[in-house]
C-alpha atoms as a PDB file:
ATOM      1  CA  MET A   1      -7.677 -23.598  -1.425  1.00  0.00           C
ATOM      2  CA  PRO A   2      -9.546 -21.165  -3.705  1.00  0.00           C
ATOM      3  CA  ASN A   3      -8.926 -21.181  -7.418  1.00  0.00           C
ATOM      4  CA  LEU A   4      -6.756 -18.044  -7.626  1.00  0.00           C
ATOM      5  CA  LEU A   5      -6.215 -16.007 -10.742  1.00  0.00           C
ATOM      6  CA  HIS A   6      -2.905 -14.118 -10.559  1.00  0.00           C
ATOM      7  CA  ASP A   7      -1.203 -12.414 -13.463  1.00  0.00           C
ATOM      8  CA  LYS A   8       0.245  -9.161 -14.792  1.00  0.00           C
ATOM      9  CA  MET A   9      -1.987  -6.675 -16.541  1.00  0.00           C
ATOM     10  CA  THR A  10      -1.449  -3.232 -18.064  1.00  0.00           C
ATOM     11  CA  LEU A  11      -3.418  -0.026 -17.449  1.00  0.00           C
ATOM     12  CA  LYS A  12      -3.339   3.224 -19.377  1.00  0.00           C
ATOM     13  CA  VAL A  13      -2.623   6.298 -17.224  1.00  0.00           C
ATOM     14  CA  SER A  14      -4.019   9.723 -17.967  1.00  0.00           C
ATOM     15  CA  ASP A  15      -0.571  11.169 -18.749  1.00  0.00           C
ATOM     16  CA  GLY A  16      -0.181   8.788 -21.640  1.00  0.00           C
ATOM     17  CA  THR A  17       2.045   6.252 -19.878  1.00  0.00           C
ATOM     18  CA  LYS A  18       1.297   2.574 -19.435  1.00  0.00           C
ATOM     19  CA  MET A  19       1.543   0.897 -16.042  1.00  0.00           C
ATOM     20  CA  ASP A  20       1.869  -2.810 -15.358  1.00  0.00           C
ATOM     21  CA  CYS A  21       0.055  -4.159 -12.322  1.00  0.00           C
ATOM     22  CA  TYR A  22      -0.015  -7.494 -10.592  1.00  0.00           C
ATOM     23  CA  LEU A  23      -3.566  -8.765 -10.058  1.00  0.00           C
ATOM     24  CA  ALA A  24      -4.755 -11.537  -7.776  1.00  0.00           C
ATOM     25  CA  ARG A  25      -8.369 -12.598  -7.231  1.00  0.00           C
ATOM     26  CA  ILE A  26     -10.507 -15.659  -6.821  1.00  0.00           C
ATOM     27  CA  ARG A  27     -11.464 -16.940 -10.226  1.00  0.00           C
ATOM     28  CA  ASP A  28     -15.192 -16.322 -10.332  1.00  0.00           C
ATOM     29  CA  ASP A  29     -17.598 -13.443 -11.077  1.00  0.00           C
ATOM     30  CA  GLU A  30     -18.900 -12.860  -7.575  1.00  0.00           C
ATOM     31  CA  PRO A  31     -18.507  -9.167  -6.656  1.00  0.00           C
ATOM     32  CA  ARG A  32     -15.803  -8.858  -4.004  1.00  0.00           C
ATOM     33  CA  PRO A  33     -14.046  -6.059  -2.078  1.00  0.00           C
ATOM     34  CA  ALA A  34     -10.985  -4.647  -3.788  1.00  0.00           C
ATOM     35  CA  LEU A  35      -7.592  -3.714  -2.417  1.00  0.00           C
ATOM     36  CA  LEU A  36      -4.809  -1.531  -3.793  1.00  0.00           C
ATOM     37  CA  VAL A  37      -1.463  -3.025  -2.671  1.00  0.00           C
ATOM     38  CA  PHE A  38       1.405  -0.579  -2.756  1.00  0.00           C
ATOM     39  CA  GLN A  39       5.012  -1.679  -3.052  1.00  0.00           C
ATOM     40  CA  GLU A  40       8.086  -1.115  -0.952  1.00  0.00           C
ATOM     41  CA  ALA A  41      10.848   0.893  -2.525  1.00  0.00           C
ATOM     42  CA  PHE A  42      12.233  -2.238  -4.204  1.00  0.00           C
ATOM     43  CA  GLY A  43       9.486  -2.758  -6.799  1.00  0.00           C
ATOM     44  CA  VAL A  44       6.603  -5.168  -7.279  1.00  0.00           C
ATOM     45  CA  ASN A  45       8.963  -8.029  -6.419  1.00  0.00           C
ATOM     46  CA  GLU A  46       8.403 -11.573  -5.256  1.00  0.00           C
ATOM     47  CA  HIS A  47       7.400 -10.462  -1.791  1.00  0.00           C
ATOM     48  CA  ILE A  48       4.804  -7.931  -2.973  1.00  0.00           C
ATOM     49  CA  ARG A  49       3.403 -10.438  -5.466  1.00  0.00           C
ATOM     50  CA  ASP A  50       3.119 -12.984  -2.670  1.00  0.00           C
ATOM     51  CA  VAL A  51       1.354 -10.480  -0.402  1.00  0.00           C
ATOM     52  CA  THR A  52      -1.017  -9.613  -3.255  1.00  0.00           C
ATOM     53  CA  GLU A  53      -1.818 -13.272  -3.690  1.00  0.00           C
ATOM     54  CA  ARG A  54      -2.377 -13.681   0.030  1.00  0.00           C
ATOM     55  CA  PHE A  55      -4.977 -10.951  -0.067  1.00  0.00           C
ATOM     56  CA  GLY A  56      -6.488 -12.531  -3.161  1.00  0.00           C
ATOM     57  CA  ARG A  57      -6.935 -15.816  -1.333  1.00  0.00           C
ATOM     58  CA  GLN A  58      -8.693 -13.883   1.437  1.00  0.00           C
ATOM     59  CA  GLY A  59     -11.345 -12.818  -1.084  1.00  0.00           C
ATOM     60  CA  PHE A  60     -10.083  -9.438  -2.212  1.00  0.00           C
ATOM     61  CA  VAL A  61      -9.563  -8.308  -5.779  1.00  0.00           C
ATOM     62  CA  ALA A  62      -5.975  -7.231  -5.061  1.00  0.00           C
ATOM     63  CA  ILE A  63      -3.976  -5.124  -7.479  1.00  0.00           C
ATOM     64  CA  ALA A  64      -0.326  -3.987  -7.077  1.00  0.00           C
ATOM     65  CA  PRO A  65       0.663  -1.197  -9.501  1.00  0.00           C
ATOM     66  CA  GLU A  66       4.275  -0.739 -10.560  1.00  0.00           C
ATOM     67  CA  LEU A  67       4.881   2.784  -9.267  1.00  0.00           C
ATOM     68  CA  TYR A  68       8.265   3.068 -11.061  1.00  0.00           C
ATOM     69  CA  HIS A  69       6.728   2.420 -14.463  1.00  0.00           C
ATOM     70  CA  ARG A  70       7.985   5.751 -15.855  1.00  0.00           C
ATOM     71  CA  THR A  71      11.656   5.199 -14.970  1.00  0.00           C
ATOM     72  CA  ALA A  72      12.136   1.473 -14.278  1.00  0.00           C
ATOM     73  CA  PRO A  73       9.306  -0.542 -15.805  1.00  0.00           C
ATOM     74  CA  GLY A  74       9.321  -4.150 -14.648  1.00  0.00           C
ATOM     75  CA  LYS A  75      12.450  -3.609 -12.581  1.00  0.00           C
ATOM     76  CA  GLU A  76      13.002  -5.289  -9.200  1.00  0.00           C
ATOM     77  CA  PHE A  77      15.782  -4.261  -6.863  1.00  0.00           C
ATOM     78  CA  PRO A  78      17.644  -6.254  -4.182  1.00  0.00           C
ATOM     79  CA  TYR A  79      16.974  -5.309  -0.581  1.00  0.00           C
ATOM     80  CA  THR A  80      20.700  -4.780  -0.136  1.00  0.00           C
ATOM     81  CA  ASP A  81      20.910  -1.996  -2.796  1.00  0.00           C
ATOM     82  CA  PHE A  82      18.869   0.983  -1.595  1.00  0.00           C
ATOM     83  CA  PRO A  83      21.112   3.460  -3.493  1.00  0.00           C
ATOM     84  CA  ALA A  84      19.853   1.894  -6.764  1.00  0.00           C
ATOM     85  CA  VAL A  85      16.222   2.711  -5.957  1.00  0.00           C
ATOM     86  CA  ARG A  86      16.791   6.245  -4.649  1.00  0.00           C
ATOM     87  CA  GLN A  87      16.778   7.812  -8.077  1.00  0.00           C
ATOM     88  CA  HIS A  88      13.443   6.207  -8.963  1.00  0.00           C
ATOM     89  CA  MET A  89      11.868   7.300  -5.683  1.00  0.00           C
ATOM     90  CA  GLN A  90      13.128  10.839  -6.250  1.00  0.00           C
ATOM     91  CA  ALA A  91      11.719  10.776  -9.820  1.00  0.00           C
ATOM     92  CA  MET A  92       8.200  10.093  -8.563  1.00  0.00           C
ATOM     93  CA  THR A  93       5.951  13.166  -8.599  1.00  0.00           C
ATOM     94  CA  ARG A  94       2.758  13.841  -6.741  1.00  0.00           C
ATOM     95  CA  GLU A  95       0.909  14.416 -10.016  1.00  0.00           C
ATOM     96  CA  GLY A  96       2.195  11.193 -11.551  1.00  0.00           C
ATOM     97  CA  THR A  97       1.414   9.101  -8.515  1.00  0.00           C
ATOM     98  CA  ASP A  98      -2.074  10.575  -8.277  1.00  0.00           C
ATOM     99  CA  ALA A  99      -2.644   9.659 -11.929  1.00  0.00           C
ATOM    100  CA  ASP A 100      -1.492   6.109 -11.194  1.00  0.00           C
ATOM    101  CA  LEU A 101      -3.861   5.867  -8.224  1.00  0.00           C
ATOM    102  CA  ARG A 102      -6.799   7.084 -10.269  1.00  0.00           C
ATOM    103  CA  ALA A 103      -6.033   4.627 -13.093  1.00  0.00           C
ATOM    104  CA  CYS A 104      -6.153   1.704 -10.645  1.00  0.00           C
ATOM    105  CA  TYR A 105      -9.250   2.971  -8.864  1.00  0.00           C
ATOM    106  CA  ASP A 106     -11.135   3.707 -12.094  1.00  0.00           C
ATOM    107  CA  TRP A 107     -10.314   0.243 -13.457  1.00  0.00           C
ATOM    108  CA  LEU A 108     -11.598  -1.401 -10.275  1.00  0.00           C
ATOM    109  CA  GLN A 109     -14.768   0.666 -10.417  1.00  0.00           C
ATOM    110  CA  SER A 110     -15.382  -0.549 -13.974  1.00  0.00           C
ATOM    111  CA  GLN A 111     -15.162  -4.283 -13.133  1.00  0.00           C
ATOM    112  CA  PRO A 112     -18.327  -6.288 -12.487  1.00  0.00           C
ATOM    113  CA  PHE A 113     -16.539  -8.526  -9.962  1.00  0.00           C
ATOM    114  CA  VAL A 114     -15.679  -5.543  -7.712  1.00  0.00           C
ATOM    115  CA  LYS A 115     -17.872  -4.149  -4.964  1.00  0.00           C
ATOM    116  CA  LYS A 116     -17.733  -0.466  -5.954  1.00  0.00           C
ATOM    117  CA  ASN A 117     -18.033   0.951  -2.425  1.00  0.00           C
ATOM    118  CA  GLU A 118     -15.519  -1.460  -0.870  1.00  0.00           C
ATOM    119  CA  VAL A 119     -12.174  -0.396  -2.335  1.00  0.00           C
ATOM    120  CA  SER A 120      -9.359  -0.067   0.234  1.00  0.00           C
ATOM    121  CA  ALA A 121      -5.591   0.261   0.247  1.00  0.00           C
ATOM    122  CA  VAL A 122      -2.556  -1.171   1.993  1.00  0.00           C
ATOM    123  CA  GLY A 123       1.080  -0.160   1.566  1.00  0.00           C
ATOM    124  CA  TYR A 124       4.499  -1.037   2.898  1.00  0.00           C
ATOM    125  CA  CYS A 125       7.446   1.323   3.440  1.00  0.00           C
ATOM    126  CA  MET A 126       7.224   3.723   0.474  1.00  0.00           C
ATOM    127  CA  GLY A 127       3.863   2.162  -0.220  1.00  0.00           C
ATOM    128  CA  GLY A 128       2.770   3.120   3.280  1.00  0.00           C
ATOM    129  CA  VAL A 129       3.087   6.729   2.239  1.00  0.00           C
ATOM    130  CA  VAL A 130       1.206   6.057  -0.975  1.00  0.00           C
ATOM    131  CA  SER A 131      -1.595   4.285   0.880  1.00  0.00           C
ATOM    132  CA  PHE A 132      -2.080   7.341   3.093  1.00  0.00           C
ATOM    133  CA  ALA A 133      -2.069   9.617   0.029  1.00  0.00           C
ATOM    134  CA  ALA A 134      -4.562   7.378  -1.737  1.00  0.00           C
ATOM    135  CA  ASN A 135      -6.949   7.595   1.208  1.00  0.00           C
ATOM    136  CA  GLY A 136      -6.820  11.383   0.889  1.00  0.00           C
ATOM    137  CA  LEU A 137      -7.401  11.338  -2.845  1.00  0.00           C
ATOM    138  CA  LEU A 138      -9.837   8.480  -3.525  1.00  0.00           C
ATOM    139  CA  SER A 139     -13.148   7.429  -2.031  1.00  0.00           C
ATOM    140  CA  LEU A 140     -11.619   4.508  -0.155  1.00  0.00           C
ATOM    141  CA  LYS A 141     -13.409   2.451   2.486  1.00  0.00           C
ATOM    142  CA  CYS A 142     -10.220   2.459   4.583  1.00  0.00           C
ATOM    143  CA  ALA A 143      -6.447   2.324   4.259  1.00  0.00           C
ATOM    144  CA  VAL A 144      -3.494   0.643   6.009  1.00  0.00           C
ATOM    145  CA  SER A 145       0.001   2.055   6.225  1.00  0.00           C
ATOM    146  CA  TYR A 146       2.962  -0.065   7.309  1.00  0.00           C
ATOM    147  CA  TYR A 147       5.978   1.970   8.467  1.00  0.00           C
ATOM    148  CA  GLY A 148       5.284   4.755   5.986  1.00  0.00           C
ATOM    149  CA  GLY A 149       8.282   7.031   6.549  1.00  0.00           C
ATOM    150  CA  GLY A 150       8.045  10.360   4.815  1.00  0.00           C
ATOM    151  CA  ILE A 151       4.344  11.111   5.332  1.00  0.00           C
ATOM    152  CA  PRO A 152       5.085  14.438   7.092  1.00  0.00           C
ATOM    153  CA  ASP A 153       7.339  15.654   4.285  1.00  0.00           C
ATOM    154  CA  LYS A 154       5.263  14.486   1.340  1.00  0.00           C
ATOM    155  CA  VAL A 155       1.549  14.024   1.940  1.00  0.00           C
ATOM    156  CA  LEU A 156       0.624  15.165   5.453  1.00  0.00           C
ATOM    157  CA  ASP A 157      -1.787  17.748   3.965  1.00  0.00           C
ATOM    158  CA  ARG A 158      -3.926  14.810   2.886  1.00  0.00           C
ATOM    159  CA  ALA A 159      -4.828  14.194   6.521  1.00  0.00           C
ATOM    160  CA  ALA A 160      -7.683  16.707   6.201  1.00  0.00           C
ATOM    161  CA  THR A 161      -9.214  14.857   3.248  1.00  0.00           C
ATOM    162  CA  LEU A 162      -8.917  11.217   4.343  1.00  0.00           C
ATOM    163  CA  HIS A 163     -12.041   9.398   3.171  1.00  0.00           C
ATOM    164  CA  GLY A 164     -11.897   6.296   5.373  1.00  0.00           C
ATOM    165  CA  PRO A 165     -10.339   5.181   8.653  1.00  0.00           C
ATOM    166  CA  GLN A 166      -6.593   4.816   8.596  1.00  0.00           C
ATOM    167  CA  LEU A 167      -4.580   2.030  10.306  1.00  0.00           C
ATOM    168  CA  PHE A 168      -0.895   2.612  11.054  1.00  0.00           C
ATOM    169  CA  PHE A 169       1.760   0.023  11.931  1.00  0.00           C
ATOM    170  CA  TRP A 170       5.145   1.125  13.214  1.00  0.00           C
ATOM    171  CA  GLY A 171       8.151  -0.569  14.727  1.00  0.00           C
ATOM    172  CA  GLU A 172       9.581   1.159  17.774  1.00  0.00           C
ATOM    173  CA  LYS A 173      13.058  -0.047  16.781  1.00  0.00           C
ATOM    174  CA  ASP A 174      12.671   1.535  13.346  1.00  0.00           C
ATOM    175  CA  SER A 175      15.727   3.778  12.972  1.00  0.00           C
ATOM    176  CA  HIS A 176      14.251   5.297   9.760  1.00  0.00           C
ATOM    177  CA  ILE A 177      11.101   6.692  11.380  1.00  0.00           C
ATOM    178  CA  PRO A 178      11.795   8.417  14.722  1.00  0.00           C
ATOM    179  CA  PRO A 179       9.020   8.784  17.334  1.00  0.00           C
ATOM    180  CA  GLU A 180       8.714  12.466  16.544  1.00  0.00           C
ATOM    181  CA  GLN A 181       7.724  11.673  12.949  1.00  0.00           C
ATOM    182  CA  ARG A 182       5.130   9.181  14.045  1.00  0.00           C
ATOM    183  CA  ALA A 183       3.695  11.681  16.532  1.00  0.00           C
ATOM    184  CA  THR A 184       3.500  14.343  13.786  1.00  0.00           C
ATOM    185  CA  VAL A 185       1.343  12.075  11.668  1.00  0.00           C
ATOM    186  CA  ILE A 186      -0.994  11.101  14.498  1.00  0.00           C
ATOM    187  CA  ASN A 187      -1.373  14.677  15.726  1.00  0.00           C
ATOM    188  CA  ALA A 188      -2.374  15.781  12.217  1.00  0.00           C
ATOM    189  CA  LEU A 189      -5.186  13.221  12.175  1.00  0.00           C
ATOM    190  CA  LYS A 190      -6.303  14.291  15.638  1.00  0.00           C
ATOM    191  CA  GLN A 191      -6.450  17.897  14.528  1.00  0.00           C
ATOM    192  CA  ALA A 192      -8.355  16.934  11.403  1.00  0.00           C
ATOM    193  CA  GLY A 193     -10.825  14.901  13.410  1.00  0.00           C
ATOM    194  CA  LYS A 194     -10.161  11.747  11.436  1.00  0.00           C
ATOM    195  CA  THR A 195     -10.660   8.144  12.560  1.00  0.00           C
ATOM    196  CA  TYR A 196      -7.451   6.189  12.942  1.00  0.00           C
ATOM    197  CA  THR A 197      -5.876   3.208  14.724  1.00  0.00           C
ATOM    198  CA  ASN A 198      -2.224   3.436  15.736  1.00  0.00           C
ATOM    199  CA  VAL A 199      -0.216   0.286  16.454  1.00  0.00           C
ATOM    200  CA  GLU A 200       3.416   0.181  17.568  1.00  0.00           C
ATOM    201  CA  PHE A 201       5.380  -3.059  17.995  1.00  0.00           C
ATOM    202  CA  SER A 202       8.066  -2.554  20.640  1.00  0.00           C
ATOM    203  CA  ASP A 203      10.396  -5.263  19.299  1.00  0.00           C
ATOM    204  CA  ALA A 204      10.022  -4.535  15.588  1.00  0.00           C
ATOM    205  CA  ALA A 205      12.242  -2.617  13.173  1.00  0.00           C
ATOM    206  CA  HIS A 206      11.611  -1.179   9.732  1.00  0.00           C
ATOM    207  CA  GLY A 207      10.337  -3.742   7.234  1.00  0.00           C
ATOM    208  CA  PHE A 208       9.163  -6.156   9.915  1.00  0.00           C
ATOM    209  CA  PHE A 209       6.408  -7.626   7.720  1.00  0.00           C
ATOM    210  CA  CYS A 210       8.699  -8.768   4.927  1.00  0.00           C
ATOM    211  CA  ASP A 211       9.949 -12.328   5.425  1.00  0.00           C
ATOM    212  CA  MET A 212      12.674 -11.719   2.783  1.00  0.00           C
ATOM    213  CA  ARG A 213      14.436  -9.018   4.836  1.00  0.00           C
ATOM    214  CA  PRO A 214      16.738  -9.434   7.850  1.00  0.00           C
ATOM    215  CA  SER A 215      14.400  -7.172   9.874  1.00  0.00           C
ATOM    216  CA  TYR A 216      11.525  -9.627   9.535  1.00  0.00           C
ATOM    217  CA  ASN A 217       9.698 -10.100  12.839  1.00  0.00           C
ATOM    218  CA  ALA A 218       7.474 -13.164  12.749  1.00  0.00           C
ATOM    219  CA  GLU A 219       5.295 -12.160  15.740  1.00  0.00           C
ATOM    220  CA  ALA A 220       4.717  -8.590  14.585  1.00  0.00           C
ATOM    221  CA  SER A 221       4.031  -9.873  11.067  1.00  0.00           C
ATOM    222  CA  ARG A 222       1.465 -12.406  12.275  1.00  0.00           C
ATOM    223  CA  LEU A 223      -0.340  -9.941  14.530  1.00  0.00           C
ATOM    224  CA  SER A 224      -0.362  -7.129  11.968  1.00  0.00           C
ATOM    225  CA  TRP A 225      -1.742  -9.488   9.296  1.00  0.00           C
ATOM    226  CA  ALA A 226      -4.617 -10.471  11.532  1.00  0.00           C
ATOM    227  CA  LEU A 227      -5.337  -6.859  12.481  1.00  0.00           C
ATOM    228  CA  THR A 228      -5.142  -5.771   8.858  1.00  0.00           C
ATOM    229  CA  LEU A 229      -7.738  -8.334   7.713  1.00  0.00           C
ATOM    230  CA  GLU A 230     -10.073  -7.396  10.586  1.00  0.00           C
ATOM    231  CA  PHE A 231      -9.689  -3.703   9.778  1.00  0.00           C
ATOM    232  CA  LEU A 232     -10.322  -4.199   6.044  1.00  0.00           C
ATOM    233  CA  ARG A 233     -13.383  -6.300   6.760  1.00  0.00           C
ATOM    234  CA  SER A 234     -14.950  -4.179   9.446  1.00  0.00           C
END
């Protein structure tokens, strides 16, 4: 097993706020590809920290920013209490999130152990939307979006400015993201002439990658993990 460094760190954001992030990377100075890991609606919790460490063990400099740092710094929410997170999701602004993304990206670009032209993103649920937005804002190598419901309503205009290929994962049994919404996203990328890969798991529901949720689907999780690593490394 690699000697993994994993700890919390704090970044300054251009609007004057401070944002904690969870960082995981192999403990050496060899330049490695970097990965922005974006949280579900429930915070940078045990699951997101574990995923960040998994990517770290795969050789990425993985960083998971706390996107609720303005309204709920350090807060984690139970998967059974979505009403508690709604106010924090609604308080997020495009300008604030963009500032957070730039803060993470700029920090990665300043580190000697990061390959500057190999910064990518992955996000889950709410983070799937943020990953898509990041690809349209930053010079990313590529980006991965797991069941990113809300892309059409919030960031679909970024389809025209995507910097790298985009990989989508959806569950066909996802009651939160109907087929029409998925089709809207894919059609926008087609119209923009962007490179994408679209994967739908017929037996999976929303949140299928998270082994701490009742909707966890072991087979879809295993396959999507392998495809994600191949996509990020290609």
